[in-house]
Amino acid sequence: ITVKERQYCLLMGRRTSQRFLVEQANHPLLKDKIKIINKIDFLV
């Protein structure tokens, strides 16, 4: 989650993240902000 130059990294189970995507796909404030990616690189 990126908020004002700050990032919050959360680990979820695969089913939980899939449920998150399905349930929030039509959320009026989030649908344009959700980006599905294959791999996340953790940058220091």
All heavy atoms as atom14 arrays in JSON, in Angstrom:
{
  "sequence": "ITVKERQYCLLMGRRTSQRFLVEQANHPLLKDKIKIINKIDFLV",
  "atom14_mask": [
    [1, 1, 1, 1, 1, 1, 1, 1, 0, 0, 0, 0, 0, 0],
    [1, 1, 1, 1, 1, 1, 1, 0, 0, 0, 0, 0, 0, 0],
    [1, 1, 1, 1, 1, 1, 1, 0, 0, 0, 0, 0, 0, 0],
    [1, 1, 1, 1, 1, 1, 1, 1, 1, 0, 0, 0, 0, 0],
    [1, 1, 1, 1, 1, 1, 1, 1, 1, 0, 0, 0, 0, 0],
    [1, 1, 1, 1, 1, 1, 1, 1, 1, 1, 1, 0, 0, 0],
    [1, 1, 1, 1, 1, 1, 1, 1, 1, 0, 0, 0, 0, 0],
    [1, 1, 1, 1, 1, 1, 1, 1, 1, 1, 1, 1, 0, 0],
    [1, 1, 1, 1, 1, 1, 0, 0, 0, 0, 0, 0, 0, 0],
    [1, 1, 1, 1, 1, 1, 1, 1, 0, 0, 0, 0, 0, 0],
    [1, 1, 1, 1, 1, 1, 1, 1, 0, 0, 0, 0, 0, 0],
    [1, 1, 1, 1, 1, 1, 1, 1, 0, 0, 0, 0, 0, 0],
    [1, 1, 1, 1, 0, 0, 0, 0, 0, 0, 0, 0, 0, 0],
    [1, 1, 1, 1, 1, 1, 1, 1, 1, 1, 1, 0, 0, 0],
    [1, 1, 1, 1, 1, 1, 1, 1, 1, 1, 1, 0, 0, 0],
    [1, 1, 1, 1, 1, 1, 1, 0, 0, 0, 0, 0, 0, 0],
    [1, 1, 1, 1, 1, 1, 0, 0, 0, 0, 0, 0, 0, 0],
    [1, 1, 1, 1, 1, 1, 1, 1, 1, 0, 0, 0, 0, 0],
    [1, 1, 1, 1, 1, 1, 1, 1, 1, 1, 1, 0, 0, 0],
    [1, 1, 1, 1, 1, 1, 1, 1, 1, 1, 1, 0, 0, 0],
    [1, 1, 1, 1, 1, 1, 1, 1, 0, 0, 0, 0, 0, 0],
    [1, 1, 1, 1, 1, 1, 1, 0, 0, 0, 0, 0, 0, 0],
    [1, 1, 1, 1, 1, 1, 1, 1, 1, 0, 0, 0, 0, 0],
    [1, 1, 1, 1, 1, 1, 1, 1, 1, 0, 0, 0, 0, 0],
    [1, 1, 1, 1, 1, 0, 0, 0, 0, 0, 0, 0, 0, 0],
    [1, 1, 1, 1, 1, 1, 1, 1, 0, 0, 0, 0, 0, 0],
    [1, 1, 1, 1, 1, 1, 1, 1, 1, 1, 0, 0, 0, 0],
    [1, 1, 1, 1, 1, 1, 1, 0, 0, 0, 0, 0, 0, 0],
    [1, 1, 1, 1, 1, 1, 1, 1, 0, 0, 0, 0, 0, 0],
    [1, 1, 1, 1, 1, 1, 1, 1, 0, 0, 0, 0, 0, 0],
    [1, 1, 1, 1, 1, 1, 1, 1, 1, 0, 0, 0, 0, 0],
    [1, 1, 1, 1, 1, 1, 1, 1, 0, 0, 0, 0, 0, 0],
    [1, 1, 1, 1, 1, 1, 1, 1, 1, 0, 0, 0, 0, 0],
    [1, 1, 1, 1, 1, 1, 1, 1, 0, 0, 0, 0, 0, 0],
    [1, 1, 1, 1, 1, 1, 1, 1, 1, 0, 0, 0, 0, 0],
    [1, 1, 1, 1, 1, 1, 1, 1, 0, 0, 0, 0, 0, 0],
    [1, 1, 1, 1, 1, 1, 1, 1, 0, 0, 0, 0, 0, 0],
    [1, 1, 1, 1, 1, 1, 1, 1, 0, 0, 0, 0, 0, 0],
    [1, 1, 1, 1, 1, 1, 1, 1, 1, 0, 0, 0, 0, 0],
    [1, 1, 1, 1, 1, 1, 1, 1, 0, 0, 0, 0, 0, 0],
    [1, 1, 1, 1, 1, 1, 1, 1, 0, 0, 0, 0, 0, 0],
    [1, 1, 1, 1, 1, 1, 1, 1, 1, 1, 1, 0, 0, 0],
    [1, 1, 1, 1, 1, 1, 1, 1, 0, 0, 0, 0, 0, 0],
    [1, 1, 1, 1, 1, 1, 1, 0, 0, 0, 0, 0, 0, 0]
  ],
  "atom14_positions": [
    [[0.86, -1.17, 0.0], [0.0, 0.0, 0.0], [0.9, 1.23, 0.0], [1.76, 1.36, 0.86], [-0.9, 0.02, 1.25], [-1.69, -1.29, 1.34], [-1.81, 1.23, 1.24], [-2.31, -1.52, 2.68], [0.0, 0.0, 0.0], [0.0, 0.0, 0.0], [0.0, 0.0, 0.0], [0.0, 0.0, 0.0], [0.0, 0.0, 0.0], [0.0, 0.0, 0.0]],
    [[0.7, 2.11, -0.95], [1.5, 3.33, -1.03], [0.63, 4.52, -0.64], [-0.4, 4.77, -1.24], [2.04, 3.53, -2.46], [2.74, 2.36, -2.86], [2.96, 4.73, -2.52], [0.0, 0.0, 0.0], [0.0, 0.0, 0.0], [0.0, 0.0, 0.0], [0.0, 0.0, 0.0], [0.0, 0.0, 0.0], [0.0, 0.0, 0.0], [0.0, 0.0, 0.0]],
    [[1.08, 5.23, 0.4], [0.37, 6.4, 0.9], [1.38, 7.5, 1.17], [2.24, 7.34, 2.04], [-0.4, 6.1, 2.19], [-1.14, 7.32, 2.7], [-1.36, 4.95, 2.02], [0.0, 0.0, 0.0], [0.0, 0.0, 0.0], [0.0, 0.0, 0.0], [0.0, 0.0, 0.0], [0.0, 0.0, 0.0], [0.0, 0.0, 0.0], [0.0, 0.0, 0.0]],
    [[1.31, 8.59, 0.43], [2.15, 9.76, 0.69], [3.62, 9.39, 0.91], [4.18, 9.6, 1.98], [1.64, 10.53, 1.9], [0.31, 11.18, 1.7], [-0.04, 11.99, 2.93], [-1.38, 12.65, 2.76], [-1.78, 13.38, 3.96], [0.0, 0.0, 0.0], [0.0, 0.0, 0.0], [0.0, 0.0, 0.0], [0.0, 0.0, 0.0], [0.0, 0.0, 0.0]],
    [[4.26, 8.81, -0.07], [5.68, 8.45, -0.02], [6.01, 7.38, 1.03], [7.16, 7.17, 1.36], [6.54, 9.7, 0.26], [6.34, 10.83, -0.71], [6.81, 10.46, -2.13], [7.82, 9.74, -2.25], [6.15, 10.89, -3.08], [0.0, 0.0, 0.0], [0.0, 0.0, 0.0], [0.0, 0.0, 0.0], [0.0, 0.0, 0.0], [0.0, 0.0, 0.0]],
    [[5.03, 6.72, 1.58], [5.24, 5.67, 2.57], [4.63, 4.38, 2.04], [3.54, 4.39, 1.48], [4.57, 6.09, 3.88], [4.55, 5.04, 4.94], [5.6, 5.3, 5.97], [5.71, 4.09, 6.78], [5.83, 4.1, 8.06], [5.84, 5.23, 8.7], [5.95, 2.98, 8.72], [0.0, 0.0, 0.0], [0.0, 0.0, 0.0], [0.0, 0.0, 0.0]],
    [[5.35, 3.28, 2.21], [4.84, 1.99, 1.76], [4.62, 1.06, 2.94], [5.43, 1.01, 3.85], [5.82, 1.33, 0.79], [5.84, 1.97, -0.56], [6.66, 1.16, -1.55], [7.38, 0.24, -1.17], [6.53, 1.5, -2.81], [0.0, 0.0, 0.0], [0.0, 0.0, 0.0], [0.0, 0.0, 0.0], [0.0, 0.0, 0.0], [0.0, 0.0, 0.0]],
    [[3.53, 0.33, 2.9], [3.22, -0.68, 3.89], [3.18, -2.01, 3.15], [2.41, -2.19, 2.23], [1.87, -0.41, 4.55], [1.8, 0.91, 5.27], [1.31, 2.04, 4.65], [2.25, 1.02, 6.59], [1.25, 3.24, 5.31], [2.19, 2.22, 7.25], [1.69, 3.33, 6.61], [1.64, 4.52, 7.27], [0.0, 0.0, 0.0], [0.0, 0.0, 0.0]],
    [[4.02, -2.95, 3.57], [4.07, -4.26, 2.93], [3.38, -5.27, 3.84], [3.71, -5.38, 5.02], [5.51, -4.66, 2.7], [5.68, -6.28, 1.95], [0.0, 0.0, 0.0], [0.0, 0.0, 0.0], [0.0, 0.0, 0.0], [0.0, 0.0, 0.0], [0.0, 0.0, 0.0], [0.0, 0.0, 0.0], [0.0, 0.0, 0.0], [0.0, 0.0, 0.0]],
    [[2.42, -5.98, 3.3], [1.66, -6.97, 4.06], [1.73, -8.31, 3.35], [1.7, -8.37, 2.12], [0.2, -6.55, 4.18], [-0.1, -5.13, 4.64], [-1.59, -4.89, 4.58], [0.43, -4.9, 6.03], [0.0, 0.0, 0.0], [0.0, 0.0, 0.0], [0.0, 0.0, 0.0], [0.0, 0.0, 0.0], [0.0, 0.0, 0.0], [0.0, 0.0, 0.0]],
    [[1.82, -9.37, 4.11], [1.77, -10.72, 3.55], [0.39, -11.29, 3.8], [-0.12, -11.23, 4.91], [2.81, -11.61, 4.23], [4.26, -11.2, 4.1], [5.14, -12.12, 4.93], [4.69, -11.24, 2.66], [0.0, 0.0, 0.0], [0.0, 0.0, 0.0], [0.0, 0.0, 0.0], [0.0, 0.0, 0.0], [0.0, 0.0, 0.0], [0.0, 0.0, 0.0]],
    [[-0.21, -11.82, 2.76], [-1.51, -12.48, 2.87], [-1.4, -13.86, 2.25], [-0.53, -14.1, 1.42], [-2.57, -11.7, 2.09], [-2.9, -10.36, 2.62], [-4.19, -9.63, 1.59], [-4.7, -8.28, 2.6], [0.0, 0.0, 0.0], [0.0, 0.0, 0.0], [0.0, 0.0, 0.0], [0.0, 0.0, 0.0], [0.0, 0.0, 0.0], [0.0, 0.0, 0.0]],
    [[-2.28, -14.72, 2.64], [-2.35, -16.02, 1.99], [-2.86, -15.85, 0.56], [-3.47, -14.83, 0.22], [0.0, 0.0, 0.0], [0.0, 0.0, 0.0], [0.0, 0.0, 0.0], [0.0, 0.0, 0.0], [0.0, 0.0, 0.0], [0.0, 0.0, 0.0], [0.0, 0.0, 0.0], [0.0, 0.0, 0.0], [0.0, 0.0, 0.0], [0.0, 0.0, 0.0]],
    [[-2.62, -16.83, -0.27], [-3.06, -16.73, -1.67], [-4.58, -16.59, -1.78], [-5.07, -15.79, -2.56], [-2.59, -17.94, -2.47], [-1.11, -17.94, -2.68], [-0.66, -19.14, -3.44], [0.79, -19.19, -3.39], [1.53, -19.52, -4.41], [0.98, -19.84, -5.55], [2.83, -19.53, -4.3], [0.0, 0.0, 0.0], [0.0, 0.0, 0.0], [0.0, 0.0, 0.0]],
    [[-5.29, -17.36, -1.0], [-6.75, -17.27, -1.04], [-7.24, -15.92, -0.53], [-8.19, -15.35, -1.07], [-7.38, -18.38, -0.2], [-7.24, -19.73, -0.81], [-7.98, -20.76, 0.0], [-7.33, -22.04, -0.16], [-7.31, -22.99, 0.74], [-7.94, -22.82, 1.88], [-6.69, -24.11, 0.51], [0.0, 0.0, 0.0], [0.0, 0.0, 0.0], [0.0, 0.0, 0.0]],
    [[-6.58, -15.41, 0.5], [-6.98, -14.12, 1.05], [-6.73, -13.01, 0.05], [-7.57, -12.12, -0.14], [-6.21, -13.83, 2.35], [-6.4, -14.91, 3.25], [-6.7, -12.54, 3.0], [0.0, 0.0, 0.0], [0.0, 0.0, 0.0], [0.0, 0.0, 0.0], [0.0, 0.0, 0.0], [0.0, 0.0, 0.0], [0.0, 0.0, 0.0], [0.0, 0.0, 0.0]],
    [[-5.58, -13.04, -0.63], [-5.3, -11.99, -1.63], [-6.24, -12.1, -2.82], [-6.68, -11.09, -3.37], [-3.84, -12.04, -2.08], [-3.56, -13.23, -2.74], [0.0, 0.0, 0.0], [0.0, 0.0, 0.0], [0.0, 0.0, 0.0], [0.0, 0.0, 0.0], [0.0, 0.0, 0.0], [0.0, 0.0, 0.0], [0.0, 0.0, 0.0], [0.0, 0.0, 0.0]],
    [[-6.6, -13.32, -3.22], [-7.56, -13.49, -4.32], [-8.94, -12.97, -3.9], [-9.62, -12.32, -4.68], [-7.65, -14.96, -4.73], [-6.42, -15.49, -5.41], [-6.11, -14.73, -6.69], [-7.0, -14.37, -7.44], [-4.84, -14.48, -6.92], [0.0, 0.0, 0.0], [0.0, 0.0, 0.0], [0.0, 0.0, 0.0], [0.0, 0.0, 0.0], [0.0, 0.0, 0.0]],
    [[-9.32, -13.26, -2.67], [-10.6, -12.75, -2.17], [-10.59, -11.23, -2.11], [-11.57, -10.57, -2.45], [-10.87, -13.33, -0.78], [-12.31, -13.14, -0.33], [-12.5, -13.65, 1.05], [-11.88, -12.65, 1.91], [-11.95, -12.65, 3.23], [-12.57, -13.58, 3.85], [-11.38, -11.7, 3.94], [0.0, 0.0, 0.0], [0.0, 0.0, 0.0], [0.0, 0.0, 0.0]],
    [[-9.45, -10.65, -1.71], [-9.31, -9.2, -1.68], [-9.53, -8.61, -3.07], [-10.25, -7.63, -3.25], [-7.92, -8.82, -1.15], [-7.65, -7.34, -1.13], [-8.09, -6.57, -0.07], [-6.97, -6.73, -2.16], [-7.85, -5.21, -0.04], [-6.73, -5.38, -2.15], [-7.17, -4.61, -1.08], [0.0, 0.0, 0.0], [0.0, 0.0, 0.0], [0.0, 0.0, 0.0]],
    [[-8.89, -9.23, -4.08], [-9.03, -8.73, -5.45], [-10.47, -8.83, -5.94], [-10.99, -7.9, -6.55], [-8.11, -9.51, -6.39], [-6.64, -9.18, -6.31], [-5.84, -10.14, -7.16], [-6.4, -7.75, -6.75], [0.0, 0.0, 0.0], [0.0, 0.0, 0.0], [0.0, 0.0, 0.0], [0.0, 0.0, 0.0], [0.0, 0.0, 0.0], [0.0, 0.0, 0.0]],
    [[-11.13, -9.94, -5.68], [-12.5, -10.14, -6.14], [-13.45, -9.16, -5.46], [-14.29, -8.53, -6.11], [-12.95, -11.6, -5.9], [-14.43, -11.77, -6.11], [-12.16, -12.54, -6.8], [0.0, 0.0, 0.0], [0.0, 0.0, 0.0], [0.0, 0.0, 0.0], [0.0, 0.0, 0.0], [0.0, 0.0, 0.0], [0.0, 0.0, 0.0], [0.0, 0.0, 0.0]],
    [[-13.31, -9.01, -4.15], [-14.24, -8.17, -3.4], [-14.01, -6.68, -3.63], [-14.93, -5.88, -3.52], [-14.14, -8.48, -1.9], [-14.69, -9.85, -1.56], [-14.49, -10.22, -0.1], [-13.77, -9.5, 0.62], [-15.05, -11.25, 0.32], [0.0, 0.0, 0.0], [0.0, 0.0, 0.0], [0.0, 0.0, 0.0], [0.0, 0.0, 0.0], [0.0, 0.0, 0.0]],
    [[-12.77, -6.29, -3.94], [-12.49, -4.87, -4.1], [-12.41, -4.43, -5.56], [-12.11, -3.28, -5.85], [-11.17, -4.51, -3.39], [-11.16, -4.84, -1.93], [-12.37, -4.33, -1.18], [-12.83, -3.22, -1.41], [-12.91, -5.15, -0.29], [0.0, 0.0, 0.0], [0.0, 0.0, 0.0], [0.0, 0.0, 0.0], [0.0, 0.0, 0.0], [0.0, 0.0, 0.0]],
    [[-12.7, -5.3, -6.49], [-12.63, -4.95, -7.91], [-13.63, -3.85, -8.28], [-13.38, -3.08, -9.21], [-12.87, -6.19, -8.77], [0.0, 0.0, 0.0], [0.0, 0.0, 0.0], [0.0, 0.0, 0.0], [0.0, 0.0, 0.0], [0.0, 0.0, 0.0], [0.0, 0.0, 0.0], [0.0, 0.0, 0.0], [0.0, 0.0, 0.0], [0.0, 0.0, 0.0]],
    [[-14.73, -3.76, -7.58], [-15.76, -2.76, -7.89], [-15.86, -1.65, -6.86], [-16.81, -0.89, -6.87], [-17.12, -3.44, -8.04], [-17.13, -4.39, -9.21], [-16.51, -4.13, -10.23], [-17.83, -5.49, -9.06], [0.0, 0.0, 0.0], [0.0, 0.0, 0.0], [0.0, 0.0, 0.0], [0.0, 0.0, 0.0], [0.0, 0.0, 0.0], [0.0, 0.0, 0.0]],
    [[-14.88, -1.57, -5.97], [-14.9, -0.51, -4.95], [-14.69, 0.83, -5.63], [-13.76, 1.0, -6.42], [-13.8, -0.76, -3.91], [-13.94, 0.09, -2.69], [-13.61, 1.41, -2.66], [-14.38, -0.24, -1.44], [-13.83, 1.88, -1.45], [-14.3, 0.9, -0.7], [0.0, 0.0, 0.0], [0.0, 0.0, 0.0], [0.0, 0.0, 0.0], [0.0, 0.0, 0.0]],
    [[-15.54, 1.82, -5.37], [-15.47, 3.09, -6.1], [-14.14, 3.84, -5.95], [-13.68, 4.46, -6.9], [-16.62, 3.92, -5.53], [-17.09, 3.2, -4.32], [-16.62, 1.8, -4.4], [0.0, 0.0, 0.0], [0.0, 0.0, 0.0], [0.0, 0.0, 0.0], [0.0, 0.0, 0.0], [0.0, 0.0, 0.0], [0.0, 0.0, 0.0], [0.0, 0.0, 0.0]],
    [[-13.49, 3.75, -4.78], [-12.25, 4.48, -4.58], [-11.0, 3.66, -4.87], [-9.93, 4.21, -5.08], [-12.17, 5.01, -3.14], [-13.17, 6.09, -2.77], [-13.08, 6.42, -1.29], [-12.95, 7.34, -3.6], [0.0, 0.0, 0.0], [0.0, 0.0, 0.0], [0.0, 0.0, 0.0], [0.0, 0.0, 0.0], [0.0, 0.0, 0.0], [0.0, 0.0, 0.0]],
    [[-11.12, 2.34, -4.9], [-9.95, 1.5, -5.06], [-9.79, 0.85, -6.43], [-8.7, 0.43, -6.79], [-9.95, 0.38, -4.0], [-9.7, 0.81, -2.57], [-9.73, -0.41, -1.66], [-8.38, 1.52, -2.44], [0.0, 0.0, 0.0], [0.0, 0.0, 0.0], [0.0, 0.0, 0.0], [0.0, 0.0, 0.0], [0.0, 0.0, 0.0], [0.0, 0.0, 0.0]],
    [[-10.86, 0.76, -7.21], [-10.78, -0.03, -8.44], [-9.73, 0.5, -9.42], [-9.12, -0.28, -10.14], [-12.15, -0.13, -9.11], [-12.72, 1.17, -9.6], [-14.07, 0.93, -10.21], [-14.7, 2.25, -10.62], [-16.03, 2.06, -11.15], [0.0, 0.0, 0.0], [0.0, 0.0, 0.0], [0.0, 0.0, 0.0], [0.0, 0.0, 0.0], [0.0, 0.0, 0.0]],
    [[-9.46, 1.79, -9.42], [-8.45, 2.35, -10.32], [-7.05, 2.3, -9.71], [-6.06, 2.49, -10.42], [-8.79, 3.8, -10.66], [-10.1, 3.9, -11.43], [-10.42, 2.93, -12.15], [-10.78, 4.93, -11.31], [0.0, 0.0, 0.0], [0.0, 0.0, 0.0], [0.0, 0.0, 0.0], [0.0, 0.0, 0.0], [0.0, 0.0, 0.0], [0.0, 0.0, 0.0]],
    [[-6.94, 2.03, -8.43], [-5.65, 2.06, -7.74], [-5.04, 0.68, -7.57], [-3.87, 0.56, -7.24], [-5.81, 2.71, -6.36], [-6.26, 4.16, -6.45], [-6.48, 4.74, -5.08], [-7.0, 6.16, -5.21], [-7.22, 6.78, -3.9], [0.0, 0.0, 0.0], [0.0, 0.0, 0.0], [0.0, 0.0, 0.0], [0.0, 0.0, 0.0], [0.0, 0.0, 0.0]],
    [[-5.82, -0.37, -7.8], [-5.32, -1.73, -7.62], [-4.53, -2.14, -8.86], [-5.0, -2.03, -9.98], [-6.47, -2.72, -7.38], [-7.14, -2.42, -6.04], [-5.96, -4.16, -7.4], [-8.33, -3.3, -5.72], [0.0, 0.0, 0.0], [0.0, 0.0, 0.0], [0.0, 0.0, 0.0], [0.0, 0.0, 0.0], [0.0, 0.0, 0.0], [0.0, 0.0, 0.0]],
    [[-3.31, -2.62, -8.62], [-2.44, -3.07, -9.7], [-2.01, -4.5, -9.39], [-1.44, -4.77, -8.33], [-1.22, -2.15, -9.79], [-0.27, -2.52, -10.87], [0.92, -1.56, -10.88], [1.93, -1.98, -11.91], [3.14, -1.16, -11.85], [0.0, 0.0, 0.0], [0.0, 0.0, 0.0], [0.0, 0.0, 0.0], [0.0, 0.0, 0.0], [0.0, 0.0, 0.0]],
    [[-2.28, -5.42, -10.3], [-1.91, -6.82, -10.12], [-0.56, -7.03, -10.79], [-0.37, -6.71, -11.97], [-2.96, -7.75, -10.74], [-4.32, -7.49, -10.1], [-2.55, -9.21, -10.56], [-5.46, -8.18, -10.8], [0.0, 0.0, 0.0], [0.0, 0.0, 0.0], [0.0, 0.0, 0.0], [0.0, 0.0, 0.0], [0.0, 0.0, 0.0], [0.0, 0.0, 0.0]],
    [[0.39, -7.56, -10.02], [1.72, -7.81, -10.57], [2.14, -9.24, -10.26], [1.6, -9.88, -9.36], [2.75, -6.81, -10.01], [2.74, -6.81, -8.48], [2.49, -5.41, -10.5], [3.76, -5.89, -7.88], [0.0, 0.0, 0.0], [0.0, 0.0, 0.0], [0.0, 0.0, 0.0], [0.0, 0.0, 0.0], [0.0, 0.0, 0.0], [0.0, 0.0, 0.0]],
    [[3.1, -9.75, -11.03], [3.55, -11.12, -10.85], [4.51, -11.27, -9.69], [4.45, -12.21, -8.92], [4.22, -11.64, -12.12], [3.21, -11.87, -13.22], [2.06, -12.19, -12.96], [3.62, -11.65, -14.45], [0.0, 0.0, 0.0], [0.0, 0.0, 0.0], [0.0, 0.0, 0.0], [0.0, 0.0, 0.0], [0.0, 0.0, 0.0], [0.0, 0.0, 0.0]],
    [[5.44, -10.33, -9.56], [6.49, -10.44, -8.56], [6.76, -9.07, -7.96], [6.83, -8.09, -8.68], [7.75, -11.01, -9.19], [8.87, -11.23, -8.22], [10.08, -11.8, -8.95], [11.26, -11.9, -7.99], [12.46, -12.31, -8.69], [0.0, 0.0, 0.0], [0.0, 0.0, 0.0], [0.0, 0.0, 0.0], [0.0, 0.0, 0.0], [0.0, 0.0, 0.0]],
    [[6.96, -9.03, -6.67], [7.31, -7.78, -6.01], [8.77, -7.85, -5.61], [9.2, -8.79, -4.96], [6.42, -7.54, -4.78], [4.99, -7.28, -5.22], [6.94, -6.38, -3.95], [4.02, -7.03, -4.12], [0.0, 0.0, 0.0], [0.0, 0.0, 0.0], [0.0, 0.0, 0.0], [0.0, 0.0, 0.0], [0.0, 0.0, 0.0], [0.0, 0.0, 0.0]],
    [[9.52, -6.86, -6.01], [10.91, -6.74, -5.61], [10.98, -5.85, -4.38], [10.46, -4.73, -4.38], [11.76, -6.13, -6.73], [11.83, -7.05, -7.93], [11.87, -8.27, -7.75], [11.83, -6.52, -9.07], [0.0, 0.0, 0.0], [0.0, 0.0, 0.0], [0.0, 0.0, 0.0], [0.0, 0.0, 0.0], [0.0, 0.0, 0.0], [0.0, 0.0, 0.0]],
    [[11.63, -6.35, -3.33], [11.76, -5.56, -2.12], [13.01, -4.72, -2.25], [14.13, -5.22, -2.27], [11.85, -6.46, -0.89], [10.6, -7.2, -0.64], [10.47, -8.54, -0.98], [9.52, -6.57, -0.04], [9.3, -9.21, -0.75], [8.35, -7.25, 0.2], [8.24, -8.57, -0.15], [0.0, 0.0, 0.0], [0.0, 0.0, 0.0], [0.0, 0.0, 0.0]],
    [[12.82, -3.43, -2.37], [13.94, -2.5, -2.52], [14.25, -1.87, -1.17], [13.37, -1.49, -0.42], [13.6, -1.4, -3.52], [13.25, -1.89, -4.94], [12.81, -0.71, -5.78], [14.44, -2.59, -5.54], [0.0, 0.0, 0.0], [0.0, 0.0, 0.0], [0.0, 0.0, 0.0], [0.0, 0.0, 0.0], [0.0, 0.0, 0.0], [0.0, 0.0, 0.0]],
    [[15.53, -1.77, -0.87], [15.95, -1.14, 0.37], [16.17, 0.33, 0.09], [16.92, 0.72, -0.8], [17.26, -1.78, 0.88], [17.72, -1.1, 2.15], [17.07, -3.27, 1.11], [0.0, 0.0, 0.0], [0.0, 0.0, 0.0], [0.0, 0.0, 0.0], [0.0, 0.0, 0.0], [0.0, 0.0, 0.0], [0.0, 0.0, 0.0], [0.0, 0.0, 0.0]]
  ]
}
